[in-house]
Amino acid sequence: MSETTQIRVMDFDCPTCASTVERALSNVEGVEDVEVHYTTGRVEIDYDEGVADPDSFERTIENQGYTPQGA
């Protein structure tokens, strides 16, 4: 079953930042769709709750060098 979560990221500077995070999150197992809006710092993730571990989303963002502000 699909779920959606949102995470704020405060340190995006440009569209490339958003693309980096979007690409990384898209590679997380169970993620079905990712929308990253760098101007607002909003990341919206659609995922299969039976497959994806939502805790991994913030870790994935951190691993790209950005600071998630919570879901």
N, C-alpha and C. Protein backbone atom coordinates (compact mmCIF):
# COMPACT_ATOMS: atom_id res chain seq x y z
N MET A 1 0.83 -1.18 0.00
CA MET A 1 0.00 0.00 0.00
C MET A 1 0.88 1.25 0.00
N SER A 2 0.51 2.23 -0.76
CA SER A 2 1.30 3.44 -0.89
C SER A 2 1.02 4.43 0.23
N GLU A 3 2.06 5.08 0.66
CA GLU A 3 2.00 6.15 1.65
C GLU A 3 2.77 7.34 1.10
N THR A 4 2.53 8.50 1.67
CA THR A 4 3.25 9.71 1.29
C THR A 4 3.76 10.38 2.55
N THR A 5 4.98 10.87 2.50
CA THR A 5 5.54 11.63 3.61
C THR A 5 6.23 12.86 3.04
N GLN A 6 6.36 13.87 3.88
CA GLN A 6 7.06 15.09 3.49
C GLN A 6 8.18 15.37 4.48
N ILE A 7 9.27 15.85 3.94
CA ILE A 7 10.42 16.22 4.75
C ILE A 7 10.87 17.60 4.29
N ARG A 8 11.20 18.47 5.22
CA ARG A 8 11.74 19.78 4.87
C ARG A 8 13.26 19.72 4.91
N VAL A 9 13.86 20.39 3.94
CA VAL A 9 15.32 20.49 3.87
C VAL A 9 15.64 21.97 3.71
N MET A 10 16.35 22.53 4.67
CA MET A 10 16.54 23.97 4.70
C MET A 10 17.76 24.47 3.92
N ASP A 11 18.65 23.60 3.51
CA ASP A 11 19.89 24.09 2.92
C ASP A 11 20.06 23.83 1.42
N PHE A 12 18.95 23.80 0.68
CA PHE A 12 19.03 23.73 -0.77
C PHE A 12 19.42 25.11 -1.30
N ASP A 13 20.36 25.14 -2.24
CA ASP A 13 20.78 26.40 -2.84
C ASP A 13 20.36 26.54 -4.30
N CYS A 14 20.10 25.41 -4.96
CA CYS A 14 19.87 25.47 -6.40
C CYS A 14 19.15 24.21 -6.88
N PRO A 15 18.71 24.21 -8.13
CA PRO A 15 18.04 23.03 -8.67
C PRO A 15 18.93 21.79 -8.67
N THR A 16 20.24 21.96 -8.77
CA THR A 16 21.15 20.82 -8.74
C THR A 16 21.10 20.12 -7.39
N CYS A 17 20.97 20.89 -6.32
CA CYS A 17 20.83 20.31 -4.98
C CYS A 17 19.59 19.42 -4.94
N ALA A 18 18.50 19.94 -5.45
CA ALA A 18 17.25 19.18 -5.46
C ALA A 18 17.39 17.92 -6.29
N SER A 19 18.05 18.01 -7.44
CA SER A 19 18.24 16.85 -8.31
C SER A 19 19.07 15.77 -7.63
N THR A 20 20.08 16.19 -6.89
CA THR A 20 20.93 15.23 -6.19
C THR A 20 20.13 14.44 -5.17
N VAL A 21 19.31 15.13 -4.39
CA VAL A 21 18.50 14.46 -3.37
C VAL A 21 17.41 13.61 -4.03
N GLU A 22 16.80 14.13 -5.07
CA GLU A 22 15.75 13.39 -5.77
C GLU A 22 16.28 12.08 -6.33
N ARG A 23 17.44 12.14 -6.94
CA ARG A 23 18.06 10.94 -7.52
C ARG A 23 18.39 9.93 -6.42
N ALA A 24 18.95 10.40 -5.32
CA ALA A 24 19.31 9.49 -4.22
C ALA A 24 18.07 8.83 -3.61
N LEU A 25 17.03 9.61 -3.38
CA LEU A 25 15.81 9.04 -2.80
C LEU A 25 15.12 8.09 -3.76
N SER A 26 15.20 8.37 -5.05
CA SER A 26 14.60 7.49 -6.04
C SER A 26 15.22 6.10 -6.04
N ASN A 27 16.46 6.01 -5.56
CA ASN A 27 17.17 4.74 -5.51
C ASN A 27 16.92 3.94 -4.23
N VAL A 28 16.16 4.52 -3.29
CA VAL A 28 15.83 3.81 -2.06
C VAL A 28 14.76 2.77 -2.37
N GLU A 29 14.99 1.55 -1.93
CA GLU A 29 14.04 0.46 -2.21
C GLU A 29 12.65 0.80 -1.67
N GLY A 30 11.66 0.66 -2.52
CA GLY A 30 10.28 0.89 -2.14
C GLY A 30 9.77 2.29 -2.45
N VAL A 31 10.67 3.21 -2.82
CA VAL A 31 10.24 4.56 -3.17
C VAL A 31 9.65 4.51 -4.57
N GLU A 32 8.43 5.04 -4.68
CA GLU A 32 7.71 5.01 -5.95
C GLU A 32 7.81 6.33 -6.71
N ASP A 33 7.86 7.46 -5.98
CA ASP A 33 7.94 8.77 -6.62
C ASP A 33 8.52 9.76 -5.63
N VAL A 34 9.28 10.71 -6.16
CA VAL A 34 9.88 11.75 -5.33
C VAL A 34 9.69 13.09 -6.04
N GLU A 35 9.25 14.09 -5.29
CA GLU A 35 9.18 15.45 -5.80
C GLU A 35 9.95 16.33 -4.83
N VAL A 36 10.93 17.05 -5.36
CA VAL A 36 11.74 17.93 -4.54
C VAL A 36 11.57 19.35 -5.06
N HIS A 37 11.21 20.25 -4.16
CA HIS A 37 11.01 21.65 -4.51
C HIS A 37 12.07 22.47 -3.77
N TYR A 38 13.14 22.82 -4.48
CA TYR A 38 14.27 23.45 -3.80
C TYR A 38 13.93 24.85 -3.27
N THR A 39 13.01 25.56 -3.90
CA THR A 39 12.68 26.91 -3.43
C THR A 39 11.97 26.90 -2.09
N THR A 40 11.20 25.86 -1.82
CA THR A 40 10.49 25.76 -0.54
C THR A 40 11.16 24.79 0.42
N GLY A 41 12.11 24.01 -0.09
CA GLY A 41 12.77 23.02 0.75
C GLY A 41 11.89 21.82 1.07
N ARG A 42 10.86 21.61 0.28
CA ARG A 42 9.93 20.51 0.54
C ARG A 42 10.27 19.30 -0.32
N VAL A 43 10.34 18.15 0.34
CA VAL A 43 10.55 16.88 -0.36
C VAL A 43 9.33 16.01 -0.07
N GLU A 44 8.67 15.56 -1.12
CA GLU A 44 7.50 14.69 -0.96
C GLU A 44 7.84 13.33 -1.54
N ILE A 45 7.63 12.29 -0.74
CA ILE A 45 8.03 10.95 -1.12
C ILE A 45 6.82 10.02 -1.06
N ASP A 46 6.51 9.40 -2.19
CA ASP A 46 5.50 8.34 -2.25
C ASP A 46 6.25 7.01 -2.19
N TYR A 47 5.81 6.12 -1.31
CA TYR A 47 6.55 4.88 -1.13
C TYR A 47 5.61 3.74 -0.76
N ASP A 48 6.09 2.54 -0.98
CA ASP A 48 5.37 1.32 -0.60
C ASP A 48 5.73 1.03 0.85
N GLU A 49 4.74 1.18 1.73
CA GLU A 49 5.02 1.02 3.16
C GLU A 49 5.42 -0.40 3.54
N GLY A 50 5.15 -1.37 2.69
CA GLY A 50 5.54 -2.74 2.96
C GLY A 50 6.99 -3.02 2.57
N VAL A 51 7.61 -2.09 1.86
CA VAL A 51 8.97 -2.30 1.37
C VAL A 51 9.94 -1.25 1.92
N ALA A 52 9.55 0.01 1.85
CA ALA A 52 10.46 1.10 2.23
C ALA A 52 10.48 1.32 3.73
N ASP A 53 11.63 1.73 4.22
CA ASP A 53 11.81 2.12 5.62
C ASP A 53 11.85 3.64 5.64
N PRO A 54 10.78 4.31 6.09
CA PRO A 54 10.75 5.77 6.07
C PRO A 54 11.90 6.43 6.84
N ASP A 55 12.45 5.75 7.83
CA ASP A 55 13.60 6.30 8.56
C ASP A 55 14.81 6.47 7.64
N SER A 56 14.87 5.68 6.60
CA SER A 56 16.02 5.76 5.69
C SER A 56 15.97 7.01 4.82
N PHE A 57 14.82 7.67 4.70
CA PHE A 57 14.72 8.84 3.85
C PHE A 57 15.59 9.98 4.39
N GLU A 58 15.49 10.24 5.69
CA GLU A 58 16.30 11.31 6.28
C GLU A 58 17.79 10.97 6.22
N ARG A 59 18.12 9.71 6.46
CA ARG A 59 19.53 9.30 6.36
C ARG A 59 20.05 9.49 4.94
N THR A 60 19.23 9.19 3.95
CA THR A 60 19.63 9.35 2.56
C THR A 60 19.89 10.82 2.26
N ILE A 61 19.04 11.71 2.76
CA ILE A 61 19.23 13.15 2.56
C ILE A 61 20.52 13.60 3.24
N GLU A 62 20.75 13.15 4.46
CA GLU A 62 21.98 13.50 5.18
C GLU A 62 23.22 13.00 4.44
N ASN A 63 23.14 11.80 3.86
CA ASN A 63 24.28 11.24 3.13
C ASN A 63 24.62 12.05 1.89
N GLN A 64 23.68 12.87 1.41
CA GLN A 64 23.93 13.73 0.26
C GLN A 64 24.47 15.10 0.69
N GLY A 65 24.58 15.30 2.01
CA GLY A 65 25.16 16.54 2.53
C GLY A 65 24.15 17.61 2.92
N TYR A 66 22.89 17.23 3.07
CA TYR A 66 21.84 18.19 3.41
C TYR A 66 21.22 17.83 4.75
N THR A 67 20.51 18.81 5.34
CA THR A 67 19.96 18.63 6.68
C THR A 67 18.44 18.52 6.62
N PRO A 68 17.89 17.33 6.85
CA PRO A 68 16.43 17.18 6.90
C PRO A 68 15.89 17.78 8.21
N GLN A 69 14.71 18.38 8.13
CA GLN A 69 14.11 19.01 9.29
C GLN A 69 12.99 18.17 9.90
N GLY A 70 12.79 16.94 9.42
CA GLY A 70 11.78 16.06 9.99
C GLY A 70 10.62 15.85 9.06
N ALA A 71 9.94 14.76 9.27
CA ALA A 71 8.79 14.42 8.43
C ALA A 71 7.54 15.08 8.94
